[in-house]
N, C-alpha and C. Protein backbone atom coordinates (compact mmCIF):
# COMPACT_ATOMS: atom_id res chain seq x y z
N MET A 1 122.20 48.40 34.76
CA MET A 1 123.67 48.30 34.42
C MET A 1 124.05 46.85 34.47
N PRO A 2 124.70 46.37 33.30
CA PRO A 2 125.01 44.94 33.34
C PRO A 2 126.14 44.55 34.33
N ASP A 3 126.15 43.37 34.62
CA ASP A 3 127.27 42.78 35.55
C ASP A 3 128.54 42.88 34.92
N LEU A 4 129.52 43.40 35.47
CA LEU A 4 130.91 43.61 34.75
C LEU A 4 131.90 42.59 35.39
N GLU A 5 131.40 41.49 35.87
CA GLU A 5 132.46 40.46 36.29
C GLU A 5 132.94 39.68 35.12
N PRO A 6 134.03 39.19 35.07
CA PRO A 6 135.11 39.00 36.15
C PRO A 6 136.12 40.11 36.13
N TYR A 7 135.74 41.32 35.86
CA TYR A 7 136.58 42.41 35.70
C TYR A 7 136.97 43.02 36.98
N PRO A 8 138.11 43.60 37.29
CA PRO A 8 139.34 43.67 36.42
C PRO A 8 140.10 42.32 36.45
N LEU A 9 140.89 42.12 35.45
CA LEU A 9 141.64 40.94 35.36
C LEU A 9 143.20 41.24 35.32
N HIS A 10 143.98 40.69 36.26
CA HIS A 10 145.42 40.96 36.53
C HIS A 10 146.22 39.79 36.07
N LEU A 11 147.01 39.97 34.98
CA LEU A 11 147.83 38.88 34.51
C LEU A 11 149.27 39.21 34.64
N ARG A 12 150.10 38.09 34.74
CA ARG A 12 151.54 38.41 34.89
C ARG A 12 152.33 37.32 34.03
N ARG A 13 153.38 37.72 33.62
CA ARG A 13 154.37 36.80 32.86
C ARG A 13 155.73 37.05 33.48
N VAL A 14 156.22 35.99 34.02
CA VAL A 14 157.57 36.00 34.67
C VAL A 14 158.37 34.91 34.14
N ASP A 15 159.53 35.24 33.57
CA ASP A 15 160.52 34.27 33.08
C ASP A 15 161.85 34.76 33.60
N VAL A 16 162.34 34.21 34.65
CA VAL A 16 163.59 34.67 35.32
C VAL A 16 164.76 34.46 34.41
N ALA A 17 164.77 33.37 33.60
CA ALA A 17 165.89 33.14 32.74
C ALA A 17 166.09 34.21 31.66
N ARG A 18 164.98 34.87 31.32
CA ARG A 18 164.98 35.84 30.29
C ARG A 18 164.85 37.28 30.87
N ASN A 19 164.97 37.36 32.30
CA ASN A 19 164.75 38.59 32.90
C ASN A 19 163.49 39.33 32.51
N MET A 20 162.39 38.56 32.43
CA MET A 20 161.10 39.05 31.95
C MET A 20 160.12 39.06 33.13
N LYS A 21 159.72 40.33 33.51
CA LYS A 21 158.63 40.38 34.56
C LYS A 21 157.73 41.35 34.12
N ARG A 22 156.53 40.87 33.62
CA ARG A 22 155.52 41.84 32.93
C ARG A 22 154.31 41.62 33.66
N PHE A 23 153.40 42.59 33.47
CA PHE A 23 151.96 42.50 33.97
C PHE A 23 151.14 43.15 32.84
N TYR A 24 149.88 42.67 32.84
CA TYR A 24 148.90 43.18 31.97
C TYR A 24 147.48 43.15 32.73
N MET A 25 146.84 44.37 32.74
CA MET A 25 145.56 44.38 33.44
C MET A 25 144.51 44.88 32.45
N LEU A 26 143.34 44.30 32.60
CA LEU A 26 142.18 44.60 31.75
C LEU A 26 140.98 44.97 32.76
N SER A 27 140.26 45.95 32.26
CA SER A 27 139.03 46.23 33.05
C SER A 27 138.03 46.91 32.08
N ILE A 28 136.74 46.71 32.41
CA ILE A 28 135.71 47.39 31.64
C ILE A 28 135.03 48.27 32.60
N GLN A 29 134.84 49.56 32.22
CA GLN A 29 134.32 50.67 33.10
C GLN A 29 133.27 51.42 32.35
N PRO A 30 132.16 51.83 32.88
CA PRO A 30 131.10 52.65 32.28
C PRO A 30 131.63 54.03 31.99
N THR A 31 131.20 54.55 30.94
CA THR A 31 131.48 55.95 30.52
C THR A 31 130.40 56.89 31.05
N LEU A 32 130.67 58.17 31.11
CA LEU A 32 129.61 59.21 31.46
C LEU A 32 128.44 59.26 30.46
N PHE A 33 128.68 58.70 29.25
CA PHE A 33 127.65 58.87 28.20
C PHE A 33 126.94 57.59 27.89
N GLY A 34 126.92 56.65 28.77
CA GLY A 34 126.21 55.38 28.61
C GLY A 34 126.97 54.24 27.81
N GLY A 35 128.27 54.48 27.36
CA GLY A 35 129.03 53.52 26.80
C GLY A 35 129.88 52.74 27.88
N PHE A 36 130.85 52.04 27.24
CA PHE A 36 131.80 51.23 28.12
C PHE A 36 133.19 51.48 27.55
N SER A 37 134.12 51.52 28.52
CA SER A 37 135.53 51.70 28.09
C SER A 37 136.29 50.40 28.51
N LEU A 38 137.10 49.86 27.56
CA LEU A 38 138.01 48.80 27.94
C LEU A 38 139.25 49.54 28.21
N VAL A 39 139.77 49.32 29.47
CA VAL A 39 141.02 49.95 29.92
C VAL A 39 142.15 48.85 30.01
N ARG A 40 143.22 49.09 29.32
CA ARG A 40 144.32 48.18 29.37
C ARG A 40 145.52 48.90 29.95
N ASN A 41 146.28 48.25 30.85
CA ASN A 41 147.40 48.72 31.48
C ASN A 41 148.52 47.62 31.34
N TRP A 42 149.61 47.94 31.01
CA TRP A 42 150.72 46.89 30.82
C TRP A 42 152.08 47.54 30.95
N GLY A 43 152.99 46.64 31.28
CA GLY A 43 154.40 47.10 31.45
C GLY A 43 155.18 46.19 32.35
N ARG A 44 156.39 46.51 32.72
CA ARG A 44 157.24 45.75 33.56
C ARG A 44 156.72 45.86 34.95
N ILE A 45 156.76 44.72 35.73
CA ILE A 45 156.35 44.72 37.09
C ILE A 45 157.13 45.78 37.94
N GLY A 46 156.55 46.57 38.66
CA GLY A 46 157.29 47.60 39.52
C GLY A 46 157.21 48.96 38.83
N THR A 47 156.61 49.06 37.66
CA THR A 47 156.39 50.39 36.97
C THR A 47 154.97 50.60 36.85
N ASN A 48 154.68 51.95 36.42
CA ASN A 48 153.34 52.27 36.19
C ASN A 48 152.84 51.79 34.84
N GLY A 49 153.77 51.52 33.99
CA GLY A 49 153.41 50.92 32.68
C GLY A 49 152.71 51.99 31.77
N GLN A 50 152.06 51.42 30.67
CA GLN A 50 151.42 52.23 29.75
C GLN A 50 149.89 51.90 29.84
N THR A 51 149.03 52.88 29.46
CA THR A 51 147.59 52.64 29.54
C THR A 51 147.02 53.04 28.16
N MET A 52 146.00 52.20 27.72
CA MET A 52 145.15 52.43 26.50
C MET A 52 143.71 52.33 26.94
N VAL A 53 142.94 53.16 26.34
CA VAL A 53 141.49 53.17 26.69
C VAL A 53 140.72 53.11 25.25
N GLN A 54 139.83 52.07 25.11
CA GLN A 54 139.06 51.91 23.94
C GLN A 54 137.58 52.11 24.40
N THR A 55 136.76 52.80 23.68
CA THR A 55 135.34 52.96 24.05
C THR A 55 134.48 52.22 23.11
N PHE A 56 133.31 51.71 23.65
CA PHE A 56 132.38 50.87 22.93
C PHE A 56 130.97 51.43 23.28
N ASP A 57 130.05 51.16 22.37
CA ASP A 57 128.58 51.62 22.55
C ASP A 57 127.96 50.65 23.58
N GLY A 58 128.31 49.42 23.56
CA GLY A 58 127.55 48.40 24.41
C GLY A 58 128.65 47.52 25.21
N SER A 59 127.97 46.98 26.22
CA SER A 59 128.82 46.11 27.12
C SER A 59 129.20 44.90 26.40
N ALA A 60 128.34 44.33 25.47
CA ALA A 60 128.66 43.17 24.76
C ALA A 60 129.89 43.24 23.87
N GLU A 61 130.08 44.46 23.20
CA GLU A 61 131.14 44.63 22.37
C GLU A 61 132.40 44.77 23.18
N ALA A 62 132.30 45.47 24.34
CA ALA A 62 133.45 45.60 25.20
C ALA A 62 133.94 44.21 25.75
N GLY A 63 132.95 43.45 26.18
CA GLY A 63 133.18 42.08 26.66
C GLY A 63 133.82 41.18 25.61
N GLU A 64 133.39 41.32 24.41
CA GLU A 64 134.08 40.49 23.36
C GLU A 64 135.52 40.97 23.21
N ALA A 65 135.83 42.20 23.19
CA ALA A 65 137.19 42.68 23.11
C ALA A 65 138.02 42.29 24.28
N PHE A 66 137.46 42.23 25.47
CA PHE A 66 138.05 41.81 26.69
C PHE A 66 138.42 40.34 26.58
N GLY A 67 137.52 39.49 26.09
CA GLY A 67 137.70 38.09 25.93
C GLY A 67 138.79 37.88 25.00
N ARG A 68 138.76 38.55 23.90
CA ARG A 68 139.78 38.31 22.68
C ARG A 68 141.18 38.73 23.26
N LEU A 69 141.35 39.84 23.95
CA LEU A 69 142.63 40.12 24.44
C LEU A 69 143.14 39.19 25.65
N GLU A 70 142.18 38.74 26.47
CA GLU A 70 142.61 37.70 27.40
C GLU A 70 143.10 36.48 26.76
N ARG A 71 142.45 35.92 25.74
CA ARG A 71 142.93 34.72 25.07
C ARG A 71 144.28 34.94 24.45
N VAL A 72 144.51 36.11 23.81
CA VAL A 72 145.81 36.40 23.19
C VAL A 72 146.95 36.43 24.28
N LYS A 73 146.68 37.06 25.34
CA LYS A 73 147.70 37.09 26.39
C LYS A 73 147.98 35.81 27.09
N ARG A 74 146.91 35.01 27.24
CA ARG A 74 147.10 33.66 27.81
C ARG A 74 147.94 32.77 26.90
N LYS A 75 147.73 32.90 25.55
CA LYS A 75 148.46 32.17 24.63
C LYS A 75 149.93 32.50 24.68
N ARG A 76 150.25 33.84 25.03
CA ARG A 76 151.61 34.22 25.04
C ARG A 76 152.24 34.02 26.45
N GLY A 77 151.63 33.31 27.29
CA GLY A 77 152.31 32.87 28.51
C GLY A 77 151.90 33.62 29.76
N TYR A 78 150.99 34.57 29.68
CA TYR A 78 150.54 35.33 30.91
C TYR A 78 149.54 34.47 31.66
N ALA A 79 149.51 34.54 33.01
CA ALA A 79 148.66 33.83 33.84
C ALA A 79 148.14 34.73 34.91
N VAL A 80 147.00 34.31 35.58
CA VAL A 80 146.36 35.16 36.56
C VAL A 80 147.41 35.37 37.70
N ALA A 81 147.52 36.78 38.08
CA ALA A 81 148.52 37.09 39.14
C ALA A 81 148.11 36.43 40.40
N ASP A 82 149.14 35.95 41.13
CA ASP A 82 148.82 35.34 42.42
C ASP A 82 148.72 36.45 43.40
N GLU A 83 147.81 36.34 44.41
CA GLU A 83 147.49 37.36 45.27
C GLU A 83 148.71 37.67 46.29
N LYS A 84 149.52 36.56 46.50
CA LYS A 84 150.65 36.74 47.40
C LYS A 84 151.82 37.48 46.82
N VAL A 85 151.92 37.61 45.57
CA VAL A 85 153.07 38.23 44.87
C VAL A 85 153.16 39.70 45.05
């Protein structure tokens, strides 16, 4: 089984002036049938948020989707969640 680091990734975007407190989590998990799932969870901090699961045949495809989503979210102002928060 391939190394699934740096998964999971926890991102946050907080803008007090706009009353915006959001989170976005990404992880890659193996499926029962030998594939891989990219699991996304997002919403307002303090809620369960929404979840979406995409399945891929290989870990490389899942990793590419993971990287693409991470880049998009970082461009929109999300940053790695601080462990103390």
